[in-house]
């Protein structure tokens, strides 16, 4: 029984919280901006737990979708479904239960937020399968990982202002940046298996594409800061995040697997510094 629980934990990546954090930071950006400061505790708790549940459900669906590919990749060959510890049907059952819990969680919120959650679930479900036919599936990941932004604005304000969509677009490009670095780790395996990723599509222009994606992220953040009337203290966090991005580009330039994976994981700090900037911009004048 204990081994089975451990396998379920690995299925939903309890041992790898980086994905949850990369989902949480954009959601927190939006909650603080929409609220003009610290959001209501109830909304904060709903979105925090909901983010964890949806990321966990997404991981289960991802492992089901990739079950016939993971066994051929060194990094993923021991995942629960591939190794036979959990069946594919069990993984889908776990995903369904987690998604249902997430939907129950948002019932106190308004109807617009609930409607957006249906689309968010749809995108999260189809993302793992887009690696078969889309040249840049990371863009779909960015939509899935950033949909907490319009949902947060909807929950707090009851509508979605322009700044929310600018923040959302910037987050899509952030996901393209960090997940391209992640895809560079498995590029040779993905080529052999016939999968599509941005790392393959960008080819020798991968570093430039990541730099451009980061550039769009930082530009969008500056525009949102202006629209939200954040103080200049916002740029303390913005500059710290920019230094993180430059550090990532230095790591990625080596195109070594370990360095690319390190750059991917370090994006947690980038997202955290941008959140810090928003908090400072809202609270200090």
C-alpha atoms as a PDB file:
ATOM      1  CA  UNK A   1       0.000   0.000   0.000  1.00  0.00           C
ATOM      2  CA  UNK A   2       2.841   2.366   0.917  1.00  0.00           C
ATOM      3  CA  UNK A   3       4.582   1.786  -2.423  1.00  0.00           C
ATOM      4  CA  UNK A   4       1.339   2.493  -4.246  1.00  0.00           C
ATOM      5  CA  UNK A   5       0.887   5.809  -2.428  1.00  0.00           C
ATOM      6  CA  UNK A   6       4.444   6.736  -3.330  1.00  0.00           C
ATOM      7  CA  UNK A   7       3.673   5.934  -6.981  1.00  0.00           C
ATOM      8  CA  UNK A   8       0.583   8.188  -6.884  1.00  0.00           C
ATOM      9  CA  UNK A   9       2.722  10.910  -5.348  1.00  0.00           C
ATOM     10  CA  UNK A  10       5.195  10.599  -8.213  1.00  0.00           C
ATOM     11  CA  UNK A  11       2.347  10.602 -10.742  1.00  0.00           C
ATOM     12  CA  UNK A  12       1.164  14.034  -9.573  1.00  0.00           C
ATOM     13  CA  UNK A  13       4.775  15.242  -9.014  1.00  0.00           C
ATOM     14  CA  UNK A  14       4.605  15.799  -5.259  1.00  0.00           C
ATOM     15  CA  UNK A  15       8.366  15.344  -5.361  1.00  0.00           C
ATOM     16  CA  UNK A  16       8.773  18.048  -8.040  1.00  0.00           C
ATOM     17  CA  UNK A  17       6.942  21.228  -6.984  1.00  0.00           C
ATOM     18  CA  UNK A  18       8.533  23.452  -9.661  1.00  0.00           C
ATOM     19  CA  UNK A  19       5.526  23.044 -11.970  1.00  0.00           C
ATOM     20  CA  UNK A  20       3.114  24.161  -9.259  1.00  0.00           C
ATOM     21  CA  UNK A  21       5.277  27.185  -8.503  1.00  0.00           C
ATOM     22  CA  UNK A  22       5.415  28.194 -12.173  1.00  0.00           C
ATOM     23  CA  UNK A  23       1.619  28.071 -12.144  1.00  0.00           C
ATOM     24  CA  UNK A  24       1.287  29.920  -8.858  1.00  0.00           C
ATOM     25  CA  UNK A  25       3.433  32.966  -9.625  1.00  0.00           C
ATOM     26  CA  UNK A  26       1.297  34.256 -12.547  1.00  0.00           C
ATOM     27  CA  UNK A  27      -1.836  33.585 -10.522  1.00  0.00           C
ATOM     28  CA  UNK A  28      -0.430  35.561  -7.590  1.00  0.00           C
ATOM     29  CA  UNK A  29       0.621  38.408  -9.921  1.00  0.00           C
ATOM     30  CA  UNK A  30      -2.988  38.645 -11.069  1.00  0.00           C
ATOM     31  CA  UNK A  31      -4.581  38.286  -7.628  1.00  0.00           C
ATOM     32  CA  UNK A  32      -2.493  41.098  -6.149  1.00  0.00           C
ATOM     33  CA  UNK A  33      -2.945  43.391  -9.166  1.00  0.00           C
ATOM     34  CA  UNK A  34      -6.693  42.801  -9.376  1.00  0.00           C
ATOM     35  CA  UNK A  35      -7.086  43.355  -5.628  1.00  0.00           C
ATOM     36  CA  UNK A  36      -4.819  46.394  -5.510  1.00  0.00           C
ATOM     37  CA  UNK A  37      -2.885  44.671  -2.741  1.00  0.00           C
ATOM     38  CA  UNK A  38      -3.387  41.594  -0.582  1.00  0.00           C
ATOM     39  CA  UNK A  39      -6.436  39.642  -1.891  1.00  0.00           C
ATOM     40  CA  UNK A  40      -9.187  38.193   0.269  1.00  0.00           C
ATOM     41  CA  UNK A  41      -7.965  35.171   2.184  1.00  0.00           C
ATOM     42  CA  UNK A  42     -10.769  32.982   0.858  1.00  0.00           C
ATOM     43  CA  UNK A  43      -9.937  33.772  -2.775  1.00  0.00           C
ATOM     44  CA  UNK A  44      -6.207  33.348  -2.130  1.00  0.00           C
ATOM     45  CA  UNK A  45      -6.753  29.914  -0.583  1.00  0.00           C
ATOM     46  CA  UNK A  46      -9.108  28.797  -3.369  1.00  0.00           C
ATOM     47  CA  UNK A  47      -6.648  29.742  -6.089  1.00  0.00           C
ATOM     48  CA  UNK A  48      -3.621  28.314  -4.259  1.00  0.00           C
ATOM     49  CA  UNK A  49      -5.214  24.925  -3.657  1.00  0.00           C
ATOM     50  CA  UNK A  50      -6.908  24.942  -7.054  1.00  0.00           C
ATOM     51  CA  UNK A  51      -3.583  25.555  -8.776  1.00  0.00           C
ATOM     52  CA  UNK A  52      -2.067  22.569  -6.986  1.00  0.00           C
ATOM     53  CA  UNK A  53      -5.005  20.331  -7.883  1.00  0.00           C
ATOM     54  CA  UNK A  54      -5.038  21.312 -11.559  1.00  0.00           C
ATOM     55  CA  UNK A  55      -1.283  20.968 -11.957  1.00  0.00           C
ATOM     56  CA  UNK A  56      -1.476  17.516 -10.363  1.00  0.00           C
ATOM     57  CA  UNK A  57      -4.336  16.518 -12.682  1.00  0.00           C
ATOM     58  CA  UNK A  58      -2.361  17.805 -15.663  1.00  0.00           C
ATOM     59  CA  UNK A  59       0.648  15.688 -14.715  1.00  0.00           C
ATOM     60  CA  UNK A  60      -1.518  12.556 -14.572  1.00  0.00           C
ATOM     61  CA  UNK A  61      -2.973  13.289 -18.023  1.00  0.00           C
ATOM     62  CA  UNK A  62       0.503  14.069 -19.369  1.00  0.00           C
ATOM     63  CA  UNK A  63       1.890  10.727 -18.200  1.00  0.00           C
ATOM     64  CA  UNK A  64      -1.071   8.915 -19.748  1.00  0.00           C
ATOM     65  CA  UNK A  65      -0.596  10.725 -23.056  1.00  0.00           C
ATOM     66  CA  UNK A  66       3.159  10.033 -23.104  1.00  0.00           C
ATOM     67  CA  UNK A  67       3.006   6.474 -21.775  1.00  0.00           C
ATOM     68  CA  UNK A  68       4.252   4.972 -25.052  1.00  0.00           C
ATOM     69  CA  UNK A  69       7.072   7.527 -25.389  1.00  0.00           C
ATOM     70  CA  UNK A  70       8.371   7.819 -21.831  1.00  0.00           C
ATOM     71  CA  UNK A  71       9.868   4.339 -21.823  1.00  0.00           C
ATOM     72  CA  UNK A  72      12.250   5.405 -24.582  1.00  0.00           C
ATOM     73  CA  UNK A  73      13.554   8.479 -22.731  1.00  0.00           C
ATOM     74  CA  UNK A  74      16.178   8.080 -20.017  1.00  0.00           C
ATOM     75  CA  UNK A  75      14.705  10.866 -17.858  1.00  0.00           C
ATOM     76  CA  UNK A  76      11.132   9.496 -17.902  1.00  0.00           C
ATOM     77  CA  UNK A  77      11.445   5.710 -18.239  1.00  0.00           C
ATOM     78  CA  UNK A  78      10.747   5.164 -14.537  1.00  0.00           C
ATOM     79  CA  UNK A  79       7.534   7.189 -14.338  1.00  0.00           C
ATOM     80  CA  UNK A  80       4.669   5.303 -12.606  1.00  0.00           C
ATOM     81  CA  UNK A  81       2.668   4.356 -15.718  1.00  0.00           C
ATOM     82  CA  UNK A  82       5.685   3.439 -17.840  1.00  0.00           C
ATOM     83  CA  UNK A  83       7.183   1.329 -15.064  1.00  0.00           C
ATOM     84  CA  UNK A  84       3.870  -0.475 -14.508  1.00  0.00           C
ATOM     85  CA  UNK A  85       3.282   0.769 -10.967  1.00  0.00           C
ATOM     86  CA  UNK A  86       0.033   2.475 -12.028  1.00  0.00           C
ATOM     87  CA  UNK A  87      -2.244   1.678 -14.965  1.00  0.00           C
ATOM     88  CA  UNK A  88      -3.288   4.234 -17.544  1.00  0.00           C
ATOM     89  CA  UNK A  89      -6.917   3.993 -16.434  1.00  0.00           C
ATOM     90  CA  UNK A  90      -5.890   4.678 -12.837  1.00  0.00           C
ATOM     91  CA  UNK A  91      -3.997   7.786 -13.937  1.00  0.00           C
ATOM     92  CA  UNK A  92      -7.063   9.095 -15.788  1.00  0.00           C
ATOM     93  CA  UNK A  93      -9.167   8.354 -12.724  1.00  0.00           C
ATOM     94  CA  UNK A  94      -6.778  10.343 -10.536  1.00  0.00           C
ATOM     95  CA  UNK A  95      -6.895  13.243 -13.001  1.00  0.00           C
ATOM     96  CA  UNK A  96     -10.713  13.195 -13.061  1.00  0.00           C
ATOM     97  CA  UNK A  97     -10.986  13.210  -9.264  1.00  0.00           C
ATOM     98  CA  UNK A  98      -8.500  16.071  -8.905  1.00  0.00           C
ATOM     99  CA  UNK A  99     -10.228  18.136 -11.606  1.00  0.00           C
ATOM    100  CA  UNK A 100     -13.605  17.543  -9.950  1.00  0.00           C
ATOM    101  CA  UNK A 101     -12.211  18.677  -6.595  1.00  0.00           C
ATOM    102  CA  UNK A 102     -10.819  21.806  -8.235  1.00  0.00           C
ATOM    103  CA  UNK A 103     -14.219  22.581  -9.761  1.00  0.00           C
ATOM    104  CA  UNK A 104     -15.959  22.074  -6.409  1.00  0.00           C
ATOM    105  CA  UNK A 105     -13.412  24.389  -4.852  1.00  0.00           C
ATOM    106  CA  UNK A 106     -14.398  27.351  -7.048  1.00  0.00           C
ATOM    107  CA  UNK A 107     -18.147  27.055  -6.433  1.00  0.00           C
ATOM    108  CA  UNK A 108     -18.195  30.091  -4.076  1.00  0.00           C
ATOM    109  CA  UNK A 109     -16.793  32.234  -6.929  1.00  0.00           C
ATOM    110  CA  UNK A 110     -18.812  34.052  -9.609  1.00  0.00           C
ATOM    111  CA  UNK A 111     -20.164  32.510 -12.811  1.00  0.00           C
ATOM    112  CA  UNK A 112     -17.540  34.101 -15.072  1.00  0.00           C
ATOM    113  CA  UNK A 113     -14.750  32.412 -13.125  1.00  0.00           C
ATOM    114  CA  UNK A 114     -16.547  29.057 -13.376  1.00  0.00           C
ATOM    115  CA  UNK A 115     -17.000  29.464 -17.127  1.00  0.00           C
ATOM    116  CA  UNK A 116     -13.314  30.262 -17.558  1.00  0.00           C
ATOM    117  CA  UNK A 117     -12.395  27.193 -15.510  1.00  0.00           C
ATOM    118  CA  UNK A 118     -14.048  24.940 -18.108  1.00  0.00           C
ATOM    119  CA  UNK A 119     -11.830  26.355 -20.842  1.00  0.00           C
ATOM    120  CA  UNK A 120      -8.795  26.076 -18.547  1.00  0.00           C
ATOM    121  CA  UNK A 121      -9.545  22.383 -18.001  1.00  0.00           C
ATOM    122  CA  UNK A 122      -9.915  21.836 -21.748  1.00  0.00           C
ATOM    123  CA  UNK A 123      -6.526  23.424 -22.517  1.00  0.00           C
ATOM    124  CA  UNK A 124      -4.803  21.532 -19.706  1.00  0.00           C
ATOM    125  CA  UNK A 125      -6.238  18.259 -21.026  1.00  0.00           C
ATOM    126  CA  UNK A 126      -5.270  18.708 -24.671  1.00  0.00           C
ATOM    127  CA  UNK A 127      -1.782  20.120 -24.052  1.00  0.00           C
ATOM    128  CA  UNK A 128       0.004  16.753 -23.657  1.00  0.00           C
ATOM    129  CA  UNK A 129      -1.335  15.629 -27.034  1.00  0.00           C
ATOM    130  CA  UNK A 130      -0.235  18.762 -28.929  1.00  0.00           C
ATOM    131  CA  UNK A 131       3.340  17.488 -29.017  1.00  0.00           C
ATOM    132  CA  UNK A 132       2.201  15.226 -31.856  1.00  0.00           C
ATOM    133  CA  UNK A 133       1.203  17.969 -34.288  1.00  0.00           C
ATOM    134  CA  UNK A 134       2.057  21.521 -33.128  1.00  0.00           C
ATOM    135  CA  UNK A 135       5.430  23.056 -33.930  1.00  0.00           C
ATOM    136  CA  UNK A 136       5.454  24.984 -30.644  1.00  0.00           C
ATOM    137  CA  UNK A 137       3.296  23.092 -28.125  1.00  0.00           C
ATOM    138  CA  UNK A 138       4.910  25.230 -25.420  1.00  0.00           C
ATOM    139  CA  UNK A 139       2.506  28.015 -26.459  1.00  0.00           C
ATOM    140  CA  UNK A 140      -0.404  25.796 -25.416  1.00  0.00           C
ATOM    141  CA  UNK A 141       1.401  25.104 -22.152  1.00  0.00           C
ATOM    142  CA  UNK A 142       1.699  28.855 -21.661  1.00  0.00           C
ATOM    143  CA  UNK A 143      -2.058  29.261 -22.093  1.00  0.00           C
ATOM    144  CA  UNK A 144      -2.699  26.451 -19.616  1.00  0.00           C
ATOM    145  CA  UNK A 145      -0.162  27.752 -17.091  1.00  0.00           C
ATOM    146  CA  UNK A 146      -1.368  31.342 -17.418  1.00  0.00           C
ATOM    147  CA  UNK A 147      -5.124  30.903 -17.367  1.00  0.00           C
ATOM    148  CA  UNK A 148      -5.141  31.567 -13.665  1.00  0.00           C
ATOM    149  CA  UNK A 149      -4.552  35.220 -14.661  1.00  0.00           C
ATOM    150  CA  UNK A 150      -7.945  35.964 -16.307  1.00  0.00           C
ATOM    151  CA  UNK A 151      -9.629  33.706 -13.756  1.00  0.00           C
ATOM    152  CA  UNK A 152      -8.109  35.702 -10.875  1.00  0.00           C
ATOM    153  CA  UNK A 153      -9.242  39.019 -12.355  1.00  0.00           C
ATOM    154  CA  UNK A 154     -12.693  37.566 -12.980  1.00  0.00           C
ATOM    155  CA  UNK A 155     -12.944  36.295  -9.404  1.00  0.00           C
ATOM    156  CA  UNK A 156     -11.891  39.625  -7.857  1.00  0.00           C
ATOM    157  CA  UNK A 157     -13.402  42.172 -10.257  1.00  0.00           C
ATOM    158  CA  UNK A 158     -16.146  40.287 -12.071  1.00  0.00           C
ATOM    159  CA  UNK A 159     -14.609  41.214 -15.434  1.00  0.00           C
ATOM    160  CA  UNK A 160     -11.260  40.953 -17.237  1.00  0.00           C
ATOM    161  CA  UNK A 161      -9.503  44.280 -17.974  1.00  0.00           C
ATOM    162  CA  UNK A 162      -6.915  44.900 -20.680  1.00  0.00           C
ATOM    163  CA  UNK A 163      -4.004  44.632 -18.246  1.00  0.00           C
ATOM    164  CA  UNK A 164      -5.029  41.049 -17.476  1.00  0.00           C
ATOM    165  CA  UNK A 165      -4.703  40.017 -21.113  1.00  0.00           C
ATOM    166  CA  UNK A 166      -1.339  41.785 -21.468  1.00  0.00           C
ATOM    167  CA  UNK A 167      -0.148  39.970 -18.343  1.00  0.00           C
ATOM    168  CA  UNK A 168      -1.489  36.727 -19.803  1.00  0.00           C
ATOM    169  CA  UNK A 169       0.298  37.179 -23.155  1.00  0.00           C
ATOM    170  CA  UNK A 170       3.558  37.905 -21.354  1.00  0.00           C
ATOM    171  CA  UNK A 171       3.121  34.706 -19.367  1.00  0.00           C
ATOM    172  CA  UNK A 172       2.602  32.667 -22.542  1.00  0.00           C
ATOM    173  CA  UNK A 173       5.987  33.856 -23.784  1.00  0.00           C
ATOM    174  CA  UNK A 174       7.545  33.187 -20.385  1.00  0.00           C
ATOM    175  CA  UNK A 175       6.341  29.579 -20.641  1.00  0.00           C
ATOM    176  CA  UNK A 176       7.793  29.331 -24.152  1.00  0.00           C
ATOM    177  CA  UNK A 177      11.122  30.560 -22.747  1.00  0.00           C
ATOM    178  CA  UNK A 178      11.406  28.219 -19.776  1.00  0.00           C
ATOM    179  CA  UNK A 179       9.831  25.187 -21.411  1.00  0.00           C
ATOM    180  CA  UNK A 180      12.063  25.514 -24.467  1.00  0.00           C
ATOM    181  CA  UNK A 181      15.010  25.267 -22.079  1.00  0.00           C
ATOM    182  CA  UNK A 182      13.322  22.205 -20.573  1.00  0.00           C
ATOM    183  CA  UNK A 183      12.720  20.713 -24.037  1.00  0.00           C
ATOM    184  CA  UNK A 184      16.396  21.183 -24.897  1.00  0.00           C
ATOM    185  CA  UNK A 185      17.144  18.558 -22.256  1.00  0.00           C
ATOM    186  CA  UNK A 186      15.202  15.923 -24.235  1.00  0.00           C
ATOM    187  CA  UNK A 187      15.781  17.267 -27.751  1.00  0.00           C
ATOM    188  CA  UNK A 188      17.700  14.249 -29.057  1.00  0.00           C
ATOM    189  CA  UNK A 189      15.163  11.800 -27.614  1.00  0.00           C
ATOM    190  CA  UNK A 190      12.219  13.793 -28.981  1.00  0.00           C
ATOM    191  CA  UNK A 191      13.766  13.900 -32.448  1.00  0.00           C
ATOM    192  CA  UNK A 192      14.226  10.141 -32.374  1.00  0.00           C
ATOM    193  CA  UNK A 193      10.607   9.605 -31.285  1.00  0.00           C
ATOM    194  CA  UNK A 194       9.146  12.011 -33.830  1.00  0.00           C
ATOM    195  CA  UNK A 195       7.734  14.423 -31.244  1.00  0.00           C
ATOM    196  CA  UNK A 196       7.522  18.175 -31.758  1.00  0.00           C
ATOM    197  CA  UNK A 197       8.824  20.796 -29.351  1.00  0.00           C
ATOM    198  CA  UNK A 198       9.906  24.410 -29.577  1.00  0.00           C
ATOM    199  CA  UNK A 199      13.510  23.296 -29.000  1.00  0.00           C
ATOM    200  CA  UNK A 200      13.311  21.294 -32.234  1.00  0.00           C
ATOM    201  CA  UNK A 201      11.373  23.956 -34.146  1.00  0.00           C
ATOM    202  CA  UNK A 202      13.733  26.787 -33.189  1.00  0.00           C
ATOM    203  CA  UNK A 203      16.789  24.653 -33.929  1.00  0.00           C
ATOM    204  CA  UNK A 204      20.002  26.676 -33.952  1.00  0.00           C
ATOM    205  CA  UNK A 205      17.974  29.812 -33.184  1.00  0.00           C
ATOM    206  CA  UNK A 206      16.845  28.389 -29.834  1.00  0.00           C
ATOM    207  CA  UNK A 207      18.829  30.846 -27.723  1.00  0.00           C
ATOM    208  CA  UNK A 208      17.568  33.852 -29.705  1.00  0.00           C
ATOM    209  CA  UNK A 209      13.976  32.610 -29.481  1.00  0.00           C
ATOM    210  CA  UNK A 210      14.258  32.223 -25.708  1.00  0.00           C
ATOM    211  CA  UNK A 211      15.800  35.697 -25.405  1.00  0.00           C
ATOM    212  CA  UNK A 212      12.973  37.187 -27.494  1.00  0.00           C
ATOM    213  CA  UNK A 213      10.363  35.405 -25.380  1.00  0.00           C
ATOM    214  CA  UNK A 214      11.929  36.780 -22.213  1.00  0.00           C
ATOM    215  CA  UNK A 215      11.959  40.222 -23.813  1.00  0.00           C
ATOM    216  CA  UNK A 216       8.217  40.081 -24.473  1.00  0.00           C
ATOM    217  CA  UNK A 217       7.622  38.960 -20.878  1.00  0.00           C
ATOM    218  CA  UNK A 218       9.540  41.897 -19.409  1.00  0.00           C
ATOM    219  CA  UNK A 219       7.979  44.400 -21.791  1.00  0.00           C
ATOM    220  CA  UNK A 220       4.491  43.153 -20.911  1.00  0.00           C
ATOM    221  CA  UNK A 221       5.264  43.430 -17.207  1.00  0.00           C
ATOM    222  CA  UNK A 222       6.385  47.042 -17.650  1.00  0.00           C
ATOM    223  CA  UNK A 223       3.201  47.868 -19.586  1.00  0.00           C
ATOM    224  CA  UNK A 224       1.042  46.271 -16.886  1.00  0.00           C
ATOM    225  CA  UNK A 225       2.948  48.186 -14.196  1.00  0.00           C
ATOM    226  CA  UNK A 226       2.111  51.405 -16.022  1.00  0.00           C
ATOM    227  CA  UNK A 227      -1.568  50.510 -16.475  1.00  0.00           C
ATOM    228  CA  UNK A 228      -1.865  49.487 -12.819  1.00  0.00           C
ATOM    229  CA  UNK A 229      -0.109  52.684 -11.637  1.00  0.00           C
ATOM    230  CA  UNK A 230       2.553  50.742  -9.749  1.00  0.00           C
ATOM    231  CA  UNK A 231       5.254  52.802  -8.100  1.00  0.00           C
ATOM    232  CA  UNK A 232       8.847  52.760  -9.315  1.00  0.00           C
ATOM    233  CA  UNK A 233       9.661  50.239  -6.570  1.00  0.00           C
ATOM    234  CA  UNK A 234       8.168  47.638  -8.908  1.00  0.00           C
ATOM    235  CA  UNK A 235      11.351  47.828 -10.946  1.00  0.00           C
ATOM    236  CA  UNK A 236      13.446  46.480  -8.071  1.00  0.00           C
ATOM    237  CA  UNK A 237      11.763  43.109  -8.565  1.00  0.00           C
ATOM    238  CA  UNK A 238      11.675  43.567 -12.347  1.00  0.00           C
ATOM    239  CA  UNK A 239      15.449  44.155 -12.515  1.00  0.00           C
ATOM    240  CA  UNK A 240      16.156  41.189 -10.238  1.00  0.00           C
ATOM    241  CA  UNK A 241      14.021  39.018 -12.530  1.00  0.00           C
ATOM    242  CA  UNK A 242      15.865  40.389 -15.565  1.00  0.00           C
ATOM    243  CA  UNK A 243      19.185  39.346 -14.023  1.00  0.00           C
ATOM    244  CA  UNK A 244      17.709  35.861 -13.568  1.00  0.00           C
ATOM    245  CA  UNK A 245      16.801  35.770 -17.266  1.00  0.00           C
ATOM    246  CA  UNK A 246      20.326  36.799 -18.274  1.00  0.00           C
ATOM    247  CA  UNK A 247      21.712  34.069 -16.029  1.00  0.00           C
ATOM    248  CA  UNK A 248      19.393  31.550 -17.710  1.00  0.00           C
ATOM    249  CA  UNK A 249      20.587  32.597 -21.160  1.00  0.00           C
ATOM    250  CA  UNK A 250      24.173  32.103 -20.039  1.00  0.00           C
ATOM    251  CA  UNK A 251      23.345  28.591 -18.852  1.00  0.00           C
ATOM    252  CA  UNK A 252      21.342  27.711 -21.963  1.00  0.00           C
ATOM    253  CA  UNK A 253      24.103  28.966 -24.279  1.00  0.00           C
ATOM    254  CA  UNK A 254      26.118  25.862 -23.344  1.00  0.00           C
ATOM    255  CA  UNK A 255      23.234  23.662 -24.615  1.00  0.00           C
ATOM    256  CA  UNK A 256      24.274  21.084 -22.040  1.00  0.00           C
ATOM    257  CA  UNK A 257      21.409  19.046 -20.590  1.00  0.00           C
ATOM    258  CA  UNK A 258      22.211  19.749 -16.949  1.00  0.00           C
ATOM    259  CA  UNK A 259      22.628  23.488 -17.582  1.00  0.00           C
ATOM    260  CA  UNK A 260      19.354  23.732 -19.530  1.00  0.00           C
ATOM    261  CA  UNK A 261      17.486  21.892 -16.794  1.00  0.00           C
ATOM    262  CA  UNK A 262      19.032  24.171 -14.178  1.00  0.00           C
ATOM    263  CA  UNK A 263      17.866  27.223 -16.154  1.00  0.00           C
ATOM    264  CA  UNK A 264      14.344  25.793 -16.321  1.00  0.00           C
ATOM    265  CA  UNK A 265      14.168  25.191 -12.569  1.00  0.00           C
ATOM    266  CA  UNK A 266      15.642  28.600 -11.772  1.00  0.00           C
ATOM    267  CA  UNK A 267      12.614  30.282 -13.376  1.00  0.00           C
ATOM    268  CA  UNK A 268      10.926  29.897 -10.017  1.00  0.00           C
ATOM    269  CA  UNK A 269      13.135  32.754  -8.811  1.00  0.00           C
ATOM    270  CA  UNK A 270      12.288  34.865 -11.862  1.00  0.00           C
ATOM    271  CA  UNK A 271       8.567  34.509 -11.216  1.00  0.00           C
ATOM    272  CA  UNK A 272       9.077  35.204  -7.524  1.00  0.00           C
ATOM    273  CA  UNK A 273      11.035  38.392  -8.170  1.00  0.00           C
ATOM    274  CA  UNK A 274       8.324  39.678 -10.526  1.00  0.00           C
ATOM    275  CA  UNK A 275       5.774  38.984  -7.790  1.00  0.00           C
ATOM    276  CA  UNK A 276       7.982  40.854  -5.307  1.00  0.00           C
ATOM    277  CA  UNK A 277       8.100  43.797  -7.718  1.00  0.00           C
ATOM    278  CA  UNK A 278       4.297  43.864  -7.938  1.00  0.00           C
ATOM    279  CA  UNK A 279       3.944  43.761  -4.146  1.00  0.00           C
ATOM    280  CA  UNK A 280       6.499  46.578  -3.742  1.00  0.00           C
ATOM    281  CA  UNK A 281       4.847  48.610  -6.502  1.00  0.00           C
ATOM    282  CA  UNK A 282       1.481  48.314  -4.794  1.00  0.00           C
ATOM    283  CA  UNK A 283       2.595  48.978  -1.220  1.00  0.00           C
ATOM    284  CA  UNK A 284       5.446  51.513  -1.491  1.00  0.00           C
ATOM    285  CA  UNK A 285       5.120  54.970  -2.986  1.00  0.00           C
END
